[in-house]
Amino acid sequence: MGTVGLILSFVVALFVAGGLVCILIYNGFVRSRLRVQEAWSAIDIQLKRRADLVPNLVETVKGYAIHEQDTLAEVTRARSALQDAQGAMQAAEADNFLTQALGRLFAVVEAYPELKASENFISLQKDLYDLEEKIAYARQFYNRNVLDFNTRIRVFPQSIVAAMFGFAPMEFFESGERRGNVNVSFKK
C-alpha cells in the first residue's frame, strides 16, 4: 500500500468518523426533542384537568353568587382560551389569563361566607390547588428539557448538525410569576 493508498484510507476514515459523529449528534437531538414533547404532554394533561375543573367551580359559585355573571363569564372565556391554545407560548398566555380570572373569582367568593364553607367548594378549591402544584412541577420539568434541547442546538459542533437538519429552538412555558401577572392565592 503506497502513500496515496494510506492518504485515501485516512480520508475515508475521517469521513466515516465524521458521519458517525453526525449520526450520534442527530440521534441526541431526536431523543432530546422527544423528552421535550413528553414533558409538554405532562403540562397539557394538567392544564386540561384544570380546565375540566373550572365548569364545576363556576357552577358552584353561580349557585351562591348570582350577581357575579361578568366574573363567571370571564372565567369561562379564559377556560376556552386555554383549551384552544396551540403551543407553549399560547398555552402560557391562556393559563395566565385563566389564573387572573380565577383570582377575581376567588375575590368574589370572599363576599359569600356560605359558599366558602360549602363542602363542594372546599373540595374543588383543594383539587385546583393540587393541580396548580402539578402544573408548576410539570412546567419546571418541561422548561428544564427545553433548556437542554436549546443548549444542545447552540453549542459547537452540535450547532452545525442542528442547522443541517433544521432543529430549531423550542419555546419555554413561562408562568405569570415571571412576567409579574396576578396569581391565584389559596387560603387553607
Protein backbone atom coordinates (compact mmCIF):
# COMPACT_ATOMS: atom_id res chain seq x y z
CA MET A 1 0.00 0.00 0.00
CA GLY A 2 1.56 3.24 -1.10
CA THR A 3 1.38 6.74 0.26
CA VAL A 4 -1.65 7.55 -1.89
CA GLY A 5 -3.47 4.49 -0.56
CA LEU A 6 -2.62 5.47 3.01
CA ILE A 7 -3.86 9.03 2.49
CA LEU A 8 -7.00 7.75 0.81
CA SER A 9 -7.62 5.35 3.72
CA PHE A 10 -7.11 8.21 6.17
CA VAL A 11 -9.58 10.46 4.29
CA VAL A 12 -12.19 7.68 4.13
CA ALA A 13 -11.71 7.03 7.86
CA LEU A 14 -12.23 10.75 8.56
CA PHE A 15 -15.46 10.79 6.52
CA VAL A 16 -16.73 7.65 8.25
CA ALA A 17 -15.84 9.06 11.69
CA GLY A 18 -17.47 12.40 10.80
CA GLY A 19 -20.58 10.59 9.58
CA LEU A 20 -20.78 8.58 12.80
CA VAL A 21 -20.41 11.74 14.89
CA CYS A 22 -23.20 13.41 12.87
CA ILE A 23 -25.44 10.37 13.39
CA LEU A 24 -24.76 10.39 17.15
CA ILE A 25 -25.45 14.12 17.42
CA TYR A 26 -28.61 13.81 15.30
CA ASN A 27 -29.89 10.95 17.45
CA GLY A 28 -29.16 13.01 20.56
CA PHE A 29 -31.29 15.83 19.16
CA VAL A 30 -34.12 13.42 18.39
CA ARG A 31 -34.02 11.99 21.93
CA SER A 32 -33.88 15.46 23.43
CA ARG A 33 -36.80 16.68 21.30
CA LEU A 34 -38.83 13.63 22.34
CA ARG A 35 -38.13 14.42 26.01
CA VAL A 36 -39.42 17.96 25.44
CA GLN A 37 -42.55 16.59 23.75
CA GLU A 38 -43.12 14.17 26.62
CA ALA A 39 -42.68 16.97 29.14
CA TRP A 40 -45.14 19.14 27.18
CA SER A 41 -47.63 16.30 27.30
CA ALA A 42 -47.44 16.34 31.11
CA ILE A 43 -48.23 20.09 31.15
CA ASP A 44 -51.01 19.65 28.64
CA ILE A 45 -52.65 16.92 30.73
CA GLN A 46 -52.58 19.06 33.88
CA LEU A 47 -53.90 22.13 32.03
CA LYS A 48 -56.76 20.03 30.64
CA ARG A 49 -57.56 18.71 34.12
CA ARG A 50 -57.57 22.27 35.39
CA ALA A 51 -59.84 23.39 32.54
CA ASP A 52 -62.17 20.45 33.26
CA LEU A 53 -62.43 21.53 36.89
CA VAL A 54 -63.43 25.10 36.02
CA PRO A 55 -67.06 24.40 34.94
CA ASN A 56 -67.76 22.68 38.26
CA LEU A 57 -66.21 25.60 40.11
CA VAL A 58 -68.25 28.10 38.07
CA GLU A 59 -71.49 26.17 38.67
CA THR A 60 -70.81 26.01 42.40
CA VAL A 61 -70.13 29.74 42.61
CA LYS A 62 -73.07 30.51 40.32
CA GLY A 63 -75.44 28.95 42.82
CA TYR A 64 -74.36 31.41 45.50
CA ALA A 65 -73.13 34.47 43.60
CA ILE A 66 -75.99 35.13 41.17
CA HIS A 67 -74.96 38.77 40.65
CA GLU A 68 -71.42 37.94 39.51
CA GLN A 69 -72.17 36.93 35.92
CA ASP A 70 -69.36 39.04 34.43
CA THR A 71 -66.73 37.30 36.55
CA LEU A 72 -68.17 33.87 35.79
CA ALA A 73 -68.26 34.65 32.06
CA GLU A 74 -64.64 35.81 32.17
CA VAL A 75 -63.57 32.55 33.81
CA THR A 76 -65.46 30.60 31.14
CA ARG A 77 -63.79 32.61 28.34
CA ALA A 78 -60.38 32.06 29.93
CA ARG A 79 -61.04 28.32 30.10
CA SER A 80 -61.97 28.25 26.42
CA ALA A 81 -58.82 30.16 25.50
CA LEU A 82 -56.73 27.61 27.39
CA GLN A 83 -58.42 24.70 25.66
CA ASP A 84 -57.87 26.30 22.24
CA ALA A 85 -54.21 27.23 22.85
CA GLN A 86 -51.62 25.83 20.44
CA GLY A 87 -48.04 25.56 21.67
CA ALA A 88 -46.23 26.62 24.81
CA MET A 89 -46.45 30.38 24.33
CA GLN A 90 -50.20 30.45 23.64
CA ALA A 91 -50.85 27.98 26.45
CA ALA A 92 -48.80 30.08 28.88
CA GLU A 93 -50.72 33.24 27.93
CA ALA A 94 -54.07 31.45 28.19
CA ASP A 95 -53.03 29.90 31.50
CA ASN A 96 -52.11 33.33 32.85
CA PHE A 97 -55.48 34.69 31.67
CA LEU A 98 -57.26 31.82 33.46
CA THR A 99 -55.16 32.35 36.59
CA GLN A 100 -56.15 36.04 36.66
CA ALA A 101 -59.82 35.20 36.07
CA LEU A 102 -59.75 32.61 38.85
CA GLY A 103 -58.08 35.18 41.11
CA ARG A 104 -61.02 37.53 40.52
CA LEU A 105 -63.45 34.65 41.07
CA PHE A 106 -61.86 33.84 44.42
CA ALA A 107 -62.02 37.52 45.35
CA VAL A 108 -65.78 37.38 44.67
CA VAL A 109 -66.06 34.24 46.80
CA GLU A 110 -64.76 36.19 49.79
CA ALA A 111 -68.09 38.08 49.86
CA TYR A 112 -70.05 34.81 50.23
CA PRO A 113 -69.25 33.08 53.55
CA GLU A 114 -71.77 30.29 52.89
CA LEU A 115 -70.01 29.48 49.63
CA LYS A 116 -66.58 29.46 51.27
CA ALA A 117 -67.91 26.96 53.81
CA SER A 118 -69.58 24.73 51.20
CA GLU A 119 -68.08 21.23 51.12
CA ASN A 120 -68.33 21.15 47.33
CA PHE A 121 -66.47 24.46 47.01
CA ILE A 122 -63.81 23.42 49.52
CA SER A 123 -63.26 20.17 47.62
CA LEU A 124 -63.00 21.98 44.28
CA GLN A 125 -60.63 24.54 45.77
CA LYS A 126 -58.41 21.74 47.11
CA ASP A 127 -58.44 19.99 43.71
CA LEU A 128 -57.49 23.25 42.00
CA TYR A 129 -54.69 23.84 44.48
CA ASP A 130 -53.33 20.32 43.84
CA LEU A 131 -53.49 20.91 40.08
CA GLU A 132 -51.62 24.21 40.45
CA GLU A 133 -48.79 22.34 42.16
CA LYS A 134 -48.74 19.66 39.47
CA ILE A 135 -48.71 22.31 36.73
CA ALA A 136 -45.80 24.09 38.41
CA TYR A 137 -43.84 20.85 38.62
CA ALA A 138 -44.66 19.88 35.01
CA ARG A 139 -43.70 23.38 33.83
CA GLN A 140 -40.36 23.12 35.61
CA PHE A 141 -39.70 19.68 34.08
CA TYR A 142 -40.68 20.91 30.61
CA ASN A 143 -38.55 24.05 30.83
CA ARG A 144 -35.55 22.02 32.01
CA ASN A 145 -35.88 19.78 28.93
CA VAL A 146 -36.32 22.80 26.63
CA LEU A 147 -33.19 24.38 28.14
CA ASP A 148 -31.23 21.18 27.50
CA PHE A 149 -32.51 20.94 23.92
CA ASN A 150 -31.90 24.62 23.14
CA THR A 151 -28.40 24.46 24.65
CA ARG A 152 -27.51 21.45 22.52
CA ILE A 153 -28.61 23.32 19.40
CA ARG A 154 -26.40 26.30 20.17
CA VAL A 155 -23.11 24.65 21.15
CA PHE A 156 -20.39 23.71 18.71
CA PRO A 157 -20.17 21.27 16.88
CA GLN A 158 -23.79 20.33 17.54
CA SER A 159 -24.95 23.68 16.17
CA ILE A 160 -23.70 22.64 12.73
CA VAL A 161 -25.69 19.40 12.76
CA ALA A 162 -28.75 21.25 14.15
CA ALA A 163 -28.60 23.72 11.27
CA MET A 164 -28.11 20.95 8.71
CA PHE A 165 -31.22 19.09 9.86
CA GLY A 166 -33.41 22.09 10.75
CA PHE A 167 -33.58 21.68 14.52
CA ALA A 168 -34.94 24.96 15.90
CA PRO A 169 -35.10 26.22 19.49
CA MET A 170 -38.29 25.39 21.39
CA GLU A 171 -40.43 27.78 23.44
CA PHE A 172 -40.31 27.89 27.21
CA PHE A 173 -43.56 27.73 29.18
CA GLU A 174 -43.40 30.89 31.25
CA SER A 175 -45.66 31.40 34.20
CA GLY A 176 -47.35 34.62 35.20
CA GLU A 177 -44.94 34.86 38.13
CA ARG A 178 -42.05 35.53 35.78
CA ARG A 179 -43.98 38.18 33.91
CA GLY A 180 -45.43 39.79 37.01
CA ASN A 181 -49.04 38.68 36.45
CA VAL A 182 -51.58 38.03 39.18
CA ASN A 183 -51.67 34.51 40.61
CA VAL A 184 -54.39 32.60 42.38
CA SER A 185 -53.92 32.59 46.13
CA PHE A 186 -55.39 29.77 48.16
CA LYS A 187 -56.02 30.03 51.86
CA LYS A 188 -56.10 26.80 53.76
